[in-house]
């Protein structure tokens, strides 16, 4: 009798911890799928310096684009559609939630939204821009002492006179 009570208590604790985990994950988006991944989990496109990506969403009823984004290199676009959450039941019945994150981000909150045509009437056009397209320098790069813009002429590939005894090291 005591073993059965312990088993029931253990099963109840396991069920409660699983429910708490599911509720805590409900506010986050996972590009790789949620706790129970399946179809309709959203879309993620990553742009790199050698493959800069542009995503265009087309309303197939009118063949007009309603969303276009040149994803910066080193970033990713993640988005998902929420059915029936739009502002117009005929032309824009759904809502698209999206965010731009650092590439390979696995979890996060989709912070932007846009009402859109029904998901069944959306075509995703994936195009590559000419490459290479360099990513922006991170802010901490400005603090490096070996950055090309801070280097003296003799340090650059163009070259220049070396500093002598009477010449300063940096001008």
Protein backbone atom coordinates (compact mmCIF):
# COMPACT_ATOMS: atom_id res chain seq x y z
CA UNK A 1 0.00 0.00 0.00
CA UNK A 2 2.83 2.40 0.89
CA UNK A 3 4.65 1.71 -2.41
CA UNK A 4 1.48 2.52 -4.39
CA UNK A 5 1.12 5.85 -2.54
CA UNK A 6 4.74 6.71 -3.31
CA UNK A 7 4.25 5.82 -6.99
CA UNK A 8 1.14 8.03 -7.18
CA UNK A 9 2.97 10.93 -5.50
CA UNK A 10 5.90 10.52 -7.89
CA UNK A 11 3.59 10.46 -10.93
CA UNK A 12 1.77 13.58 -9.69
CA UNK A 13 5.06 15.45 -9.13
CA UNK A 14 6.26 14.45 -12.62
CA UNK A 15 3.01 15.66 -14.21
CA UNK A 16 3.18 18.97 -12.35
CA UNK A 17 6.80 19.60 -13.34
CA UNK A 18 6.00 18.79 -16.99
CA UNK A 19 3.05 21.20 -16.93
CA UNK A 20 5.21 23.92 -15.37
CA UNK A 21 7.82 23.42 -18.08
CA UNK A 22 5.22 23.72 -20.83
CA UNK A 23 3.72 26.88 -19.32
CA UNK A 24 7.13 28.49 -18.87
CA UNK A 25 8.03 27.85 -22.53
CA UNK A 26 4.78 29.25 -23.92
CA UNK A 27 6.12 32.81 -24.30
CA UNK A 28 9.23 31.87 -26.27
CA UNK A 29 9.70 30.91 -29.90
CA UNK A 30 12.07 28.17 -30.97
CA UNK A 31 13.09 28.13 -34.65
CA UNK A 32 14.05 24.47 -34.39
CA UNK A 33 10.61 23.52 -33.03
CA UNK A 34 8.97 23.71 -29.66
CA UNK A 35 8.63 21.11 -26.90
CA UNK A 36 6.60 18.98 -29.32
CA UNK A 37 7.92 20.00 -32.77
CA UNK A 38 5.70 19.52 -35.78
CA UNK A 39 4.46 21.25 -38.87
CA UNK A 40 3.41 24.86 -38.69
CA UNK A 41 6.16 25.73 -36.19
CA UNK A 42 7.43 28.75 -38.14
CA UNK A 43 10.23 29.65 -40.50
CA UNK A 44 13.84 30.70 -40.05
CA UNK A 45 16.21 32.02 -42.71
CA UNK A 46 19.89 32.75 -42.02
CA UNK A 47 21.94 35.24 -44.03
CA UNK A 48 25.72 34.93 -44.28
CA UNK A 49 28.41 37.07 -45.90
CA UNK A 50 28.70 34.64 -48.81
CA UNK A 51 24.95 34.01 -49.06
CA UNK A 52 23.11 37.25 -48.23
CA UNK A 53 19.38 36.48 -48.25
CA UNK A 54 16.30 38.52 -49.14
CA UNK A 55 12.90 37.19 -48.08
CA UNK A 56 9.75 38.43 -49.81
CA UNK A 57 6.26 37.32 -48.80
CA UNK A 58 3.72 37.44 -51.62
CA UNK A 59 -0.08 37.41 -51.37
CA UNK A 60 -0.89 34.79 -54.03
CA UNK A 61 -4.43 36.14 -54.45
CA UNK A 62 -3.10 39.43 -55.85
CA UNK A 63 0.56 38.52 -56.56
CA UNK A 64 1.55 41.61 -54.53
CA UNK A 65 4.35 41.55 -51.94
CA UNK A 66 3.31 42.53 -48.43
CA UNK A 67 6.65 41.96 -46.66
CA UNK A 68 10.25 42.20 -47.92
CA UNK A 69 13.42 42.11 -45.88
CA UNK A 70 17.09 42.11 -46.83
CA UNK A 71 18.45 40.07 -43.94
CA UNK A 72 21.82 41.52 -42.89
CA UNK A 73 24.75 39.07 -43.01
CA UNK A 74 25.24 37.31 -39.70
CA UNK A 75 21.56 37.64 -38.78
CA UNK A 76 18.49 35.44 -39.10
CA UNK A 77 14.83 36.16 -39.72
CA UNK A 78 12.40 33.98 -37.77
CA UNK A 79 8.66 34.26 -38.22
CA UNK A 80 5.43 32.43 -37.56
CA UNK A 81 1.79 32.89 -38.55
CA UNK A 82 -1.08 33.13 -36.08
CA UNK A 83 -4.35 32.13 -37.75
CA UNK A 84 -7.40 34.29 -37.08
CA UNK A 85 -5.47 37.03 -35.26
CA UNK A 86 -5.60 39.65 -38.03
CA UNK A 87 -7.56 42.89 -38.21
CA UNK A 88 -9.70 42.11 -41.29
CA UNK A 89 -11.47 38.73 -41.64
CA UNK A 90 -11.32 38.85 -45.47
CA UNK A 91 -8.09 40.49 -46.65
CA UNK A 92 -5.86 40.13 -43.54
CA UNK A 93 -7.26 37.44 -41.26
CA UNK A 94 -3.88 36.25 -39.93
CA UNK A 95 -1.01 37.85 -38.04
CA UNK A 96 2.66 37.29 -38.74
CA UNK A 97 5.00 37.51 -35.74
CA UNK A 98 8.68 37.99 -36.59
CA UNK A 99 12.09 38.94 -35.23
CA UNK A 100 15.62 39.50 -36.50
CA UNK A 101 18.24 37.82 -34.33
CA UNK A 102 21.90 36.92 -34.42
CA UNK A 103 22.40 33.85 -36.59
CA UNK A 104 21.93 30.45 -34.94
CA UNK A 105 19.70 31.85 -32.17
CA UNK A 106 17.66 28.94 -30.81
CA UNK A 107 15.10 30.64 -28.56
CA UNK A 108 13.62 34.07 -28.23
CA UNK A 109 10.52 36.23 -28.37
CA UNK A 110 9.00 37.29 -31.69
CA UNK A 111 8.64 40.99 -30.94
CA UNK A 112 7.30 42.41 -34.24
CA UNK A 113 3.91 41.79 -35.80
CA UNK A 114 2.11 42.42 -39.06
CA UNK A 115 -1.42 41.53 -40.12
CA UNK A 116 -1.31 39.51 -43.31
CA UNK A 117 -3.25 37.37 -45.79
CA UNK A 118 -4.20 33.84 -44.75
CA UNK A 119 -1.16 31.59 -44.44
CA UNK A 120 -2.53 29.36 -47.22
CA UNK A 121 -2.32 32.36 -49.60
CA UNK A 122 1.29 33.31 -48.81
CA UNK A 123 4.25 32.45 -51.02
CA UNK A 124 7.78 32.84 -49.62
CA UNK A 125 10.31 34.02 -52.21
CA UNK A 126 13.90 33.31 -51.19
CA UNK A 127 16.53 35.21 -53.19
CA UNK A 128 20.27 35.59 -52.82
CA UNK A 129 21.85 39.00 -53.21
CA UNK A 130 25.27 39.44 -54.88
CA UNK A 131 28.05 38.31 -52.59
CA UNK A 132 30.22 38.86 -50.68
CA UNK A 133 28.32 41.31 -48.52
CA UNK A 134 30.21 42.10 -45.36
CA UNK A 135 28.54 42.16 -41.98
CA UNK A 136 28.65 45.31 -39.88
CA UNK A 137 31.56 45.61 -37.50
CA UNK A 138 30.55 44.79 -33.94
CA UNK A 139 30.73 47.80 -31.60
CA UNK A 140 33.56 46.26 -29.57
CA UNK A 141 35.74 46.09 -32.73
CA UNK A 142 36.33 49.85 -32.46
CA UNK A 143 38.27 49.22 -29.25
CA UNK A 144 40.85 47.00 -30.95
CA UNK A 145 44.31 48.51 -31.37
CA UNK A 146 44.99 46.58 -34.58
CA UNK A 147 41.94 47.85 -36.54
CA UNK A 148 42.92 48.87 -40.09
CA UNK A 149 41.55 52.41 -39.74
CA UNK A 150 43.76 53.05 -36.70
CA UNK A 151 46.91 51.55 -38.21
CA UNK A 152 49.76 53.77 -39.36
CA UNK A 153 50.56 53.84 -43.10
CA UNK A 154 53.52 51.47 -42.74
CA UNK A 155 51.22 48.85 -41.21
CA UNK A 156 48.68 48.81 -44.08
CA UNK A 157 48.96 46.78 -47.31
CA UNK A 158 49.65 50.03 -49.22
CA UNK A 159 52.76 50.55 -47.12
CA UNK A 160 54.55 53.68 -46.09
CA UNK A 161 57.78 54.87 -44.50
CA UNK A 162 58.80 53.19 -41.28
CA UNK A 163 59.11 55.42 -38.24
CA UNK A 164 62.66 56.56 -37.61
CA UNK A 165 64.40 57.95 -34.59
CA UNK A 166 62.86 61.38 -35.03
CA UNK A 167 59.48 60.24 -36.37
CA UNK A 168 56.56 59.42 -34.11
CA UNK A 169 55.23 55.87 -34.12
CA UNK A 170 51.65 57.10 -34.79
CA UNK A 171 50.79 60.30 -36.59
